[in-house]
């Protein structure tokens, strides 16, 4: 078990508005930014502090680079961390290899988030989800059929996310919260409001929208290249994501 010098962020203030902006990603504990598209630890820390309590049972069904797992270990939340990609599970296992004062239960499993057979109805205190944005970043090859990042068609992707939303609604306890960070994209230079389409799927299954937080993006790869393309072909760069907070009433 590794000892790390910095277990907490040097400067941290809980967010209290609907616009979140973190110019520098946190590098405390074992957090790394190498896993492309993973969410910032500042986002996860804010969510866990505001919408969960110590010893709660939390679900992250697309664990990716392990950000949620690290923060759950630091903040003493029990976690079920799932992913369809075995590489994500391995990366998360490695990220959890550090010493801290807490010892919450953190389980890692390979699983498709559209079906959660290991969880009983109304057994989860808080759900965090940072899904792929359709096929903007592909996290695996076509051999992993359950990987939502292999879906190009936006409407098809949203239909599959509705299946995810139904399972979230089933396993979440009443009056508890589900957070999902999702962005938009462009197709043929036209803006595609993928986030709002996904939001509607969550509303359709019964969730109520508590918050719509605008998460500003910084340090996006190839931004300089796309700045010139934006001017040449008359389109604006998408530099924000939506962080929806849903409540199960």
C-alpha atoms as a PDB file:
ATOM      1  CA  UNK A   1       0.000   0.000   0.000  1.00  0.00           C
ATOM      2  CA  UNK A   2       1.521   3.293  -1.120  1.00  0.00           C
ATOM      3  CA  UNK A   3       1.961   6.340   1.060  1.00  0.00           C
ATOM      4  CA  UNK A   4       1.153   9.580  -0.729  1.00  0.00           C
ATOM      5  CA  UNK A   5       2.305  12.982   0.471  1.00  0.00           C
ATOM      6  CA  UNK A   6      -0.878  14.902  -0.283  1.00  0.00           C
ATOM      7  CA  UNK A   7      -4.221  13.308   0.638  1.00  0.00           C
ATOM      8  CA  UNK A   8      -6.333  16.458   0.451  1.00  0.00           C
ATOM      9  CA  UNK A   9      -6.473  19.419  -1.937  1.00  0.00           C
ATOM     10  CA  UNK A  10      -4.381  22.369  -0.748  1.00  0.00           C
ATOM     11  CA  UNK A  11      -7.213  24.761  -1.462  1.00  0.00           C
ATOM     12  CA  UNK A  12     -10.812  23.673  -1.683  1.00  0.00           C
ATOM     13  CA  UNK A  13     -14.056  25.602  -1.378  1.00  0.00           C
ATOM     14  CA  UNK A  14     -17.415  23.961  -1.826  1.00  0.00           C
ATOM     15  CA  UNK A  15     -19.221  25.255  -4.906  1.00  0.00           C
ATOM     16  CA  UNK A  16     -22.416  27.211  -4.233  1.00  0.00           C
ATOM     17  CA  UNK A  17     -23.466  28.431  -7.697  1.00  0.00           C
ATOM     18  CA  UNK A  18     -24.622  26.825 -10.941  1.00  0.00           C
ATOM     19  CA  UNK A  19     -21.366  27.594 -12.759  1.00  0.00           C
ATOM     20  CA  UNK A  20     -18.301  25.491 -11.888  1.00  0.00           C
ATOM     21  CA  UNK A  21     -14.863  26.231 -13.287  1.00  0.00           C
ATOM     22  CA  UNK A  22     -11.608  24.529 -12.311  1.00  0.00           C
ATOM     23  CA  UNK A  23      -8.662  25.871 -14.290  1.00  0.00           C
ATOM     24  CA  UNK A  24      -6.270  23.348 -12.773  1.00  0.00           C
ATOM     25  CA  UNK A  25      -7.205  19.761 -12.106  1.00  0.00           C
ATOM     26  CA  UNK A  26      -6.463  18.472  -8.625  1.00  0.00           C
ATOM     27  CA  UNK A  27      -3.427  16.229  -8.216  1.00  0.00           C
ATOM     28  CA  UNK A  28      -3.834  15.115  -4.602  1.00  0.00           C
ATOM     29  CA  UNK A  29      -3.775  11.446  -3.569  1.00  0.00           C
ATOM     30  CA  UNK A  30      -3.373   9.319  -6.728  1.00  0.00           C
ATOM     31  CA  UNK A  31      -5.416  11.498  -9.092  1.00  0.00           C
ATOM     32  CA  UNK A  32      -4.058  11.674 -12.639  1.00  0.00           C
ATOM     33  CA  UNK A  33      -5.360  13.283 -15.807  1.00  0.00           C
ATOM     34  CA  UNK A  34      -3.935  10.677 -18.205  1.00  0.00           C
ATOM     35  CA  UNK A  35      -7.251   8.831 -18.615  1.00  0.00           C
ATOM     36  CA  UNK A  36      -8.774  10.823 -21.440  1.00  0.00           C
ATOM     37  CA  UNK A  37     -12.126  12.374 -20.654  1.00  0.00           C
ATOM     38  CA  UNK A  38     -12.218  11.542 -16.941  1.00  0.00           C
ATOM     39  CA  UNK A  39     -13.862  14.117 -14.730  1.00  0.00           C
ATOM     40  CA  UNK A  40     -11.966  16.406 -12.403  1.00  0.00           C
ATOM     41  CA  UNK A  41     -11.640  15.347  -8.751  1.00  0.00           C
ATOM     42  CA  UNK A  42     -12.993  18.768  -7.755  1.00  0.00           C
ATOM     43  CA  UNK A  43     -16.309  17.859  -9.391  1.00  0.00           C
ATOM     44  CA  UNK A  44     -16.564  14.511  -7.612  1.00  0.00           C
ATOM     45  CA  UNK A  45     -15.526  15.947  -4.240  1.00  0.00           C
ATOM     46  CA  UNK A  46     -18.187  18.656  -4.495  1.00  0.00           C
ATOM     47  CA  UNK A  47     -20.837  16.105  -5.409  1.00  0.00           C
ATOM     48  CA  UNK A  48     -19.972  13.677  -2.621  1.00  0.00           C
ATOM     49  CA  UNK A  49     -19.856  16.398   0.025  1.00  0.00           C
ATOM     50  CA  UNK A  50     -23.160  17.975  -0.991  1.00  0.00           C
ATOM     51  CA  UNK A  51     -25.245  14.936  -1.886  1.00  0.00           C
ATOM     52  CA  UNK A  52     -23.966  12.123   0.331  1.00  0.00           C
ATOM     53  CA  UNK A  53     -22.843  11.361   3.866  1.00  0.00           C
ATOM     54  CA  UNK A  54     -20.036   9.298   5.355  1.00  0.00           C
ATOM     55  CA  UNK A  55     -20.740   5.553   5.179  1.00  0.00           C
ATOM     56  CA  UNK A  56     -23.338   6.015   2.421  1.00  0.00           C
ATOM     57  CA  UNK A  57     -23.433   3.428  -0.356  1.00  0.00           C
ATOM     58  CA  UNK A  58     -22.538   5.151  -3.626  1.00  0.00           C
ATOM     59  CA  UNK A  59     -22.721   3.896  -7.222  1.00  0.00           C
ATOM     60  CA  UNK A  60     -20.494   4.897 -10.135  1.00  0.00           C
ATOM     61  CA  UNK A  61     -21.389   2.543 -13.017  1.00  0.00           C
ATOM     62  CA  UNK A  62     -18.777   3.917 -15.453  1.00  0.00           C
ATOM     63  CA  UNK A  63     -15.723   4.297 -13.242  1.00  0.00           C
ATOM     64  CA  UNK A  64     -13.266   5.079 -16.056  1.00  0.00           C
ATOM     65  CA  UNK A  65     -10.000   6.381 -14.605  1.00  0.00           C
ATOM     66  CA  UNK A  66     -11.078   5.883 -10.999  1.00  0.00           C
ATOM     67  CA  UNK A  67     -11.670   9.471  -9.870  1.00  0.00           C
ATOM     68  CA  UNK A  68     -14.835   8.611  -7.951  1.00  0.00           C
ATOM     69  CA  UNK A  69     -13.174   5.636  -6.259  1.00  0.00           C
ATOM     70  CA  UNK A  70     -10.270   7.743  -5.007  1.00  0.00           C
ATOM     71  CA  UNK A  71     -12.589  10.394  -3.579  1.00  0.00           C
ATOM     72  CA  UNK A  72     -14.844   7.806  -1.948  1.00  0.00           C
ATOM     73  CA  UNK A  73     -11.827   6.325  -0.192  1.00  0.00           C
ATOM     74  CA  UNK A  74     -10.730   9.771   0.981  1.00  0.00           C
ATOM     75  CA  UNK A  75     -14.222  10.852   2.093  1.00  0.00           C
ATOM     76  CA  UNK A  76     -15.319   7.529   3.619  1.00  0.00           C
ATOM     77  CA  UNK A  77     -18.095   6.561   1.214  1.00  0.00           C
ATOM     78  CA  UNK A  78     -18.777   2.937   0.329  1.00  0.00           C
ATOM     79  CA  UNK A  79     -18.739   2.441  -3.425  1.00  0.00           C
ATOM     80  CA  UNK A  80     -19.784   0.008  -6.102  1.00  0.00           C
ATOM     81  CA  UNK A  81     -17.621   0.897  -9.115  1.00  0.00           C
ATOM     82  CA  UNK A  82     -18.515  -0.683 -12.444  1.00  0.00           C
ATOM     83  CA  UNK A  83     -17.266  -0.515 -16.016  1.00  0.00           C
ATOM     84  CA  UNK A  84     -17.538  -2.567 -19.199  1.00  0.00           C
ATOM     85  CA  UNK A  85     -13.857  -2.077 -19.924  1.00  0.00           C
ATOM     86  CA  UNK A  86     -11.409  -4.275 -17.975  1.00  0.00           C
ATOM     87  CA  UNK A  87      -8.697  -1.648 -18.488  1.00  0.00           C
ATOM     88  CA  UNK A  88     -10.759   0.827 -16.452  1.00  0.00           C
ATOM     89  CA  UNK A  89     -11.104  -1.681 -13.640  1.00  0.00           C
ATOM     90  CA  UNK A  90      -7.335  -2.279 -13.593  1.00  0.00           C
ATOM     91  CA  UNK A  91      -6.559   1.445 -13.619  1.00  0.00           C
ATOM     92  CA  UNK A  92      -8.977   2.011 -10.739  1.00  0.00           C
ATOM     93  CA  UNK A  93      -7.508  -0.854  -8.714  1.00  0.00           C
ATOM     94  CA  UNK A  94      -4.077   0.701  -9.064  1.00  0.00           C
ATOM     95  CA  UNK A  95      -5.387   4.161  -8.156  1.00  0.00           C
ATOM     96  CA  UNK A  96      -6.828   2.804  -4.887  1.00  0.00           C
ATOM     97  CA  UNK A  97      -3.458   1.494  -3.753  1.00  0.00           C
ATOM     98  CA  UNK A  98      -2.712   4.170  -1.137  1.00  0.00           C
ATOM     99  CA  UNK A  99      -2.984   4.550   2.618  1.00  0.00           C
ATOM    100  CA  UNK A 100      -5.618   6.726   4.267  1.00  0.00           C
ATOM    101  CA  UNK A 101      -7.381   6.918   7.619  1.00  0.00           C
ATOM    102  CA  UNK A 102     -10.619   5.486   6.252  1.00  0.00           C
ATOM    103  CA  UNK A 103     -11.401   1.985   5.080  1.00  0.00           C
ATOM    104  CA  UNK A 104     -14.714   2.093   3.218  1.00  0.00           C
ATOM    105  CA  UNK A 105     -15.960  -0.851   1.190  1.00  0.00           C
ATOM    106  CA  UNK A 106     -15.101  -0.313  -2.470  1.00  0.00           C
ATOM    107  CA  UNK A 107     -16.088  -3.041  -4.905  1.00  0.00           C
ATOM    108  CA  UNK A 108     -14.972  -3.138  -8.547  1.00  0.00           C
ATOM    109  CA  UNK A 109     -16.831  -5.224 -11.126  1.00  0.00           C
ATOM    110  CA  UNK A 110     -17.085  -5.598 -14.882  1.00  0.00           C
ATOM    111  CA  UNK A 111     -20.661  -4.754 -15.784  1.00  0.00           C
ATOM    112  CA  UNK A 112     -22.944  -3.071 -18.327  1.00  0.00           C
ATOM    113  CA  UNK A 113     -24.657  -0.121 -16.632  1.00  0.00           C
ATOM    114  CA  UNK A 114     -27.917  -0.796 -18.487  1.00  0.00           C
ATOM    115  CA  UNK A 115     -28.469  -3.777 -16.177  1.00  0.00           C
ATOM    116  CA  UNK A 116     -27.589  -3.799 -12.480  1.00  0.00           C
ATOM    117  CA  UNK A 117     -28.661  -7.262 -11.300  1.00  0.00           C
ATOM    118  CA  UNK A 118     -26.354  -7.161  -8.274  1.00  0.00           C
ATOM    119  CA  UNK A 119     -28.324  -4.281  -6.742  1.00  0.00           C
ATOM    120  CA  UNK A 120     -31.699  -4.482  -5.023  1.00  0.00           C
ATOM    121  CA  UNK A 121     -34.398  -1.876  -5.520  1.00  0.00           C
ATOM    122  CA  UNK A 122     -33.826   1.329  -3.538  1.00  0.00           C
ATOM    123  CA  UNK A 123     -30.449   0.248  -2.137  1.00  0.00           C
ATOM    124  CA  UNK A 124     -28.196   3.144  -3.234  1.00  0.00           C
ATOM    125  CA  UNK A 125     -27.758   6.499  -1.482  1.00  0.00           C
ATOM    126  CA  UNK A 126     -26.178   8.431  -4.351  1.00  0.00           C
ATOM    127  CA  UNK A 127     -25.380   7.807  -8.029  1.00  0.00           C
ATOM    128  CA  UNK A 128     -22.555   9.541  -9.890  1.00  0.00           C
ATOM    129  CA  UNK A 129     -22.237   9.066 -13.631  1.00  0.00           C
ATOM    130  CA  UNK A 130     -19.850  10.478 -16.217  1.00  0.00           C
ATOM    131  CA  UNK A 131     -20.773   8.566 -19.369  1.00  0.00           C
ATOM    132  CA  UNK A 132     -19.027   8.775 -22.727  1.00  0.00           C
ATOM    133  CA  UNK A 133     -20.405  11.451 -25.019  1.00  0.00           C
ATOM    134  CA  UNK A 134     -21.491   8.984 -27.704  1.00  0.00           C
ATOM    135  CA  UNK A 135     -18.361   8.215 -29.770  1.00  0.00           C
ATOM    136  CA  UNK A 136     -16.492  11.512 -29.267  1.00  0.00           C
ATOM    137  CA  UNK A 137     -13.892   9.504 -27.339  1.00  0.00           C
ATOM    138  CA  UNK A 138     -13.864   5.762 -27.941  1.00  0.00           C
ATOM    139  CA  UNK A 139     -12.795   3.854 -24.858  1.00  0.00           C
ATOM    140  CA  UNK A 140     -12.606   0.411 -26.439  1.00  0.00           C
ATOM    141  CA  UNK A 141     -12.808  -1.327 -29.769  1.00  0.00           C
ATOM    142  CA  UNK A 142     -15.935  -2.864 -31.227  1.00  0.00           C
ATOM    143  CA  UNK A 143     -15.226  -6.135 -29.404  1.00  0.00           C
ATOM    144  CA  UNK A 144     -16.820  -4.704 -26.261  1.00  0.00           C
ATOM    145  CA  UNK A 145     -20.416  -4.503 -27.470  1.00  0.00           C
ATOM    146  CA  UNK A 146     -21.668  -2.932 -24.249  1.00  0.00           C
ATOM    147  CA  UNK A 147     -19.382   0.101 -24.585  1.00  0.00           C
ATOM    148  CA  UNK A 148     -21.621   3.101 -25.219  1.00  0.00           C
ATOM    149  CA  UNK A 149     -18.663   5.010 -26.681  1.00  0.00           C
ATOM    150  CA  UNK A 150     -18.953   2.852 -29.791  1.00  0.00           C
ATOM    151  CA  UNK A 151     -22.359   4.353 -30.653  1.00  0.00           C
ATOM    152  CA  UNK A 152     -22.182   7.086 -33.292  1.00  0.00           C
ATOM    153  CA  UNK A 153     -25.858   7.908 -33.725  1.00  0.00           C
ATOM    154  CA  UNK A 154     -26.882  10.409 -31.023  1.00  0.00           C
ATOM    155  CA  UNK A 155     -30.515   9.328 -30.792  1.00  0.00           C
ATOM    156  CA  UNK A 156     -29.459   5.698 -30.455  1.00  0.00           C
ATOM    157  CA  UNK A 157     -26.998   6.696 -27.726  1.00  0.00           C
ATOM    158  CA  UNK A 158     -29.748   8.578 -25.866  1.00  0.00           C
ATOM    159  CA  UNK A 159     -32.089   5.585 -26.129  1.00  0.00           C
ATOM    160  CA  UNK A 160     -29.417   3.415 -24.502  1.00  0.00           C
ATOM    161  CA  UNK A 161     -28.910   6.045 -21.804  1.00  0.00           C
ATOM    162  CA  UNK A 162     -32.624   5.782 -21.034  1.00  0.00           C
ATOM    163  CA  UNK A 163     -32.016   2.140 -20.090  1.00  0.00           C
ATOM    164  CA  UNK A 164     -29.242   3.343 -17.778  1.00  0.00           C
ATOM    165  CA  UNK A 165     -31.564   5.951 -16.281  1.00  0.00           C
ATOM    166  CA  UNK A 166     -34.253   3.341 -15.563  1.00  0.00           C
ATOM    167  CA  UNK A 167     -31.770   1.245 -13.596  1.00  0.00           C
ATOM    168  CA  UNK A 168     -30.541   4.285 -11.689  1.00  0.00           C
ATOM    169  CA  UNK A 169     -34.117   5.132 -10.760  1.00  0.00           C
ATOM    170  CA  UNK A 170     -34.776   1.579  -9.627  1.00  0.00           C
ATOM    171  CA  UNK A 171     -31.745   1.208  -7.359  1.00  0.00           C
ATOM    172  CA  UNK A 172     -31.767   4.729  -5.886  1.00  0.00           C
ATOM    173  CA  UNK A 173     -33.470   5.317  -2.560  1.00  0.00           C
ATOM    174  CA  UNK A 174     -36.401   7.787  -2.453  1.00  0.00           C
ATOM    175  CA  UNK A 175     -35.465  11.439  -1.954  1.00  0.00           C
ATOM    176  CA  UNK A 176     -31.869  10.711  -2.947  1.00  0.00           C
ATOM    177  CA  UNK A 177     -29.847  12.140  -5.820  1.00  0.00           C
ATOM    178  CA  UNK A 178     -28.278  11.133  -9.118  1.00  0.00           C
ATOM    179  CA  UNK A 179     -25.602  13.307 -10.753  1.00  0.00           C
ATOM    180  CA  UNK A 180     -24.606  13.011 -14.402  1.00  0.00           C
ATOM    181  CA  UNK A 181     -21.992  15.036 -16.281  1.00  0.00           C
ATOM    182  CA  UNK A 182     -22.640  15.098 -20.028  1.00  0.00           C
ATOM    183  CA  UNK A 183     -21.587  17.335 -22.899  1.00  0.00           C
ATOM    184  CA  UNK A 184     -22.791  18.276 -26.364  1.00  0.00           C
ATOM    185  CA  UNK A 185     -21.207  17.879 -29.784  1.00  0.00           C
ATOM    186  CA  UNK A 186     -21.428  18.964 -33.400  1.00  0.00           C
ATOM    187  CA  UNK A 187     -22.327  17.031 -36.521  1.00  0.00           C
ATOM    188  CA  UNK A 188     -21.822  18.653 -39.929  1.00  0.00           C
ATOM    189  CA  UNK A 189     -20.990  21.935 -38.145  1.00  0.00           C
ATOM    190  CA  UNK A 190     -24.444  22.003 -36.506  1.00  0.00           C
ATOM    191  CA  UNK A 191     -24.845  21.995 -32.724  1.00  0.00           C
ATOM    192  CA  UNK A 192     -26.260  18.764 -31.287  1.00  0.00           C
ATOM    193  CA  UNK A 193     -27.823  19.234 -27.809  1.00  0.00           C
ATOM    194  CA  UNK A 194     -26.968  15.730 -26.648  1.00  0.00           C
ATOM    195  CA  UNK A 195     -26.950  16.729 -22.975  1.00  0.00           C
ATOM    196  CA  UNK A 196     -30.531  17.953 -23.075  1.00  0.00           C
ATOM    197  CA  UNK A 197     -31.658  14.844 -24.923  1.00  0.00           C
ATOM    198  CA  UNK A 198     -30.102  12.700 -22.191  1.00  0.00           C
ATOM    199  CA  UNK A 199     -31.645  14.948 -19.539  1.00  0.00           C
ATOM    200  CA  UNK A 200     -35.088  14.345 -21.056  1.00  0.00           C
ATOM    201  CA  UNK A 201     -34.556  10.585 -20.860  1.00  0.00           C
ATOM    202  CA  UNK A 202     -33.917  10.879 -17.121  1.00  0.00           C
ATOM    203  CA  UNK A 203     -37.054  12.988 -16.700  1.00  0.00           C
ATOM    204  CA  UNK A 204     -39.059  10.464 -18.721  1.00  0.00           C
ATOM    205  CA  UNK A 205     -38.217   7.635 -16.306  1.00  0.00           C
ATOM    206  CA  UNK A 206     -39.402   9.635 -13.292  1.00  0.00           C
ATOM    207  CA  UNK A 207     -36.512  11.761 -12.058  1.00  0.00           C
ATOM    208  CA  UNK A 208     -36.997  15.443 -11.243  1.00  0.00           C
ATOM    209  CA  UNK A 209     -34.339  17.993 -12.167  1.00  0.00           C
ATOM    210  CA  UNK A 210     -32.908  19.677  -9.078  1.00  0.00           C
ATOM    211  CA  UNK A 211     -29.942  21.479 -10.653  1.00  0.00           C
ATOM    212  CA  UNK A 212     -28.417  22.205 -14.061  1.00  0.00           C
ATOM    213  CA  UNK A 213     -24.802  23.167 -13.407  1.00  0.00           C
ATOM    214  CA  UNK A 214     -22.640  24.559 -16.190  1.00  0.00           C
ATOM    215  CA  UNK A 215     -19.166  23.036 -15.993  1.00  0.00           C
ATOM    216  CA  UNK A 216     -16.615  25.099 -17.902  1.00  0.00           C
ATOM    217  CA  UNK A 217     -13.961  23.163 -19.788  1.00  0.00           C
ATOM    218  CA  UNK A 218     -10.294  24.132 -19.727  1.00  0.00           C
ATOM    219  CA  UNK A 219      -7.140  22.918 -21.452  1.00  0.00           C
ATOM    220  CA  UNK A 220      -8.954  20.916 -24.111  1.00  0.00           C
ATOM    221  CA  UNK A 221      -6.595  19.084 -26.448  1.00  0.00           C
ATOM    222  CA  UNK A 222      -6.153  20.551 -29.957  1.00  0.00           C
ATOM    223  CA  UNK A 223      -7.861  23.810 -28.908  1.00  0.00           C
ATOM    224  CA  UNK A 224      -5.336  25.896 -30.881  1.00  0.00           C
ATOM    225  CA  UNK A 225      -6.008  23.895 -34.037  1.00  0.00           C
ATOM    226  CA  UNK A 226      -9.764  24.199 -33.609  1.00  0.00           C
ATOM    227  CA  UNK A 227      -9.592  27.942 -32.939  1.00  0.00           C
ATOM    228  CA  UNK A 228      -8.429  28.427 -36.509  1.00  0.00           C
ATOM    229  CA  UNK A 229     -11.064  26.010 -37.806  1.00  0.00           C
ATOM    230  CA  UNK A 230     -13.716  27.942 -35.856  1.00  0.00           C
ATOM    231  CA  UNK A 231     -12.786  31.146 -37.642  1.00  0.00           C
ATOM    232  CA  UNK A 232     -12.414  29.558 -41.058  1.00  0.00           C
ATOM    233  CA  UNK A 233     -15.700  27.637 -41.005  1.00  0.00           C
ATOM    234  CA  UNK A 234     -17.831  29.861 -38.742  1.00  0.00           C
ATOM    235  CA  UNK A 235     -18.666  27.750 -35.699  1.00  0.00           C
ATOM    236  CA  UNK A 236     -18.059  28.224 -31.983  1.00  0.00           C
ATOM    237  CA  UNK A 237     -16.043  25.823 -29.876  1.00  0.00           C
ATOM    238  CA  UNK A 238     -18.029  23.986 -27.217  1.00  0.00           C
ATOM    239  CA  UNK A 239     -16.316  24.754 -23.913  1.00  0.00           C
ATOM    240  CA  UNK A 240     -18.908  23.667 -21.386  1.00  0.00           C
ATOM    241  CA  UNK A 241     -20.667  20.568 -20.108  1.00  0.00           C
ATOM    242  CA  UNK A 242     -23.903  20.088 -18.179  1.00  0.00           C
ATOM    243  CA  UNK A 243     -23.831  18.602 -14.707  1.00  0.00           C
ATOM    244  CA  UNK A 244     -27.424  17.545 -14.033  1.00  0.00           C
ATOM    245  CA  UNK A 245     -28.549  16.737 -10.506  1.00  0.00           C
ATOM    246  CA  UNK A 246     -31.692  14.604 -10.462  1.00  0.00           C
ATOM    247  CA  UNK A 247     -33.803  13.711  -7.449  1.00  0.00           C
ATOM    248  CA  UNK A 248     -35.955  10.647  -7.007  1.00  0.00           C
ATOM    249  CA  UNK A 249     -39.056  11.929  -5.272  1.00  0.00           C
END
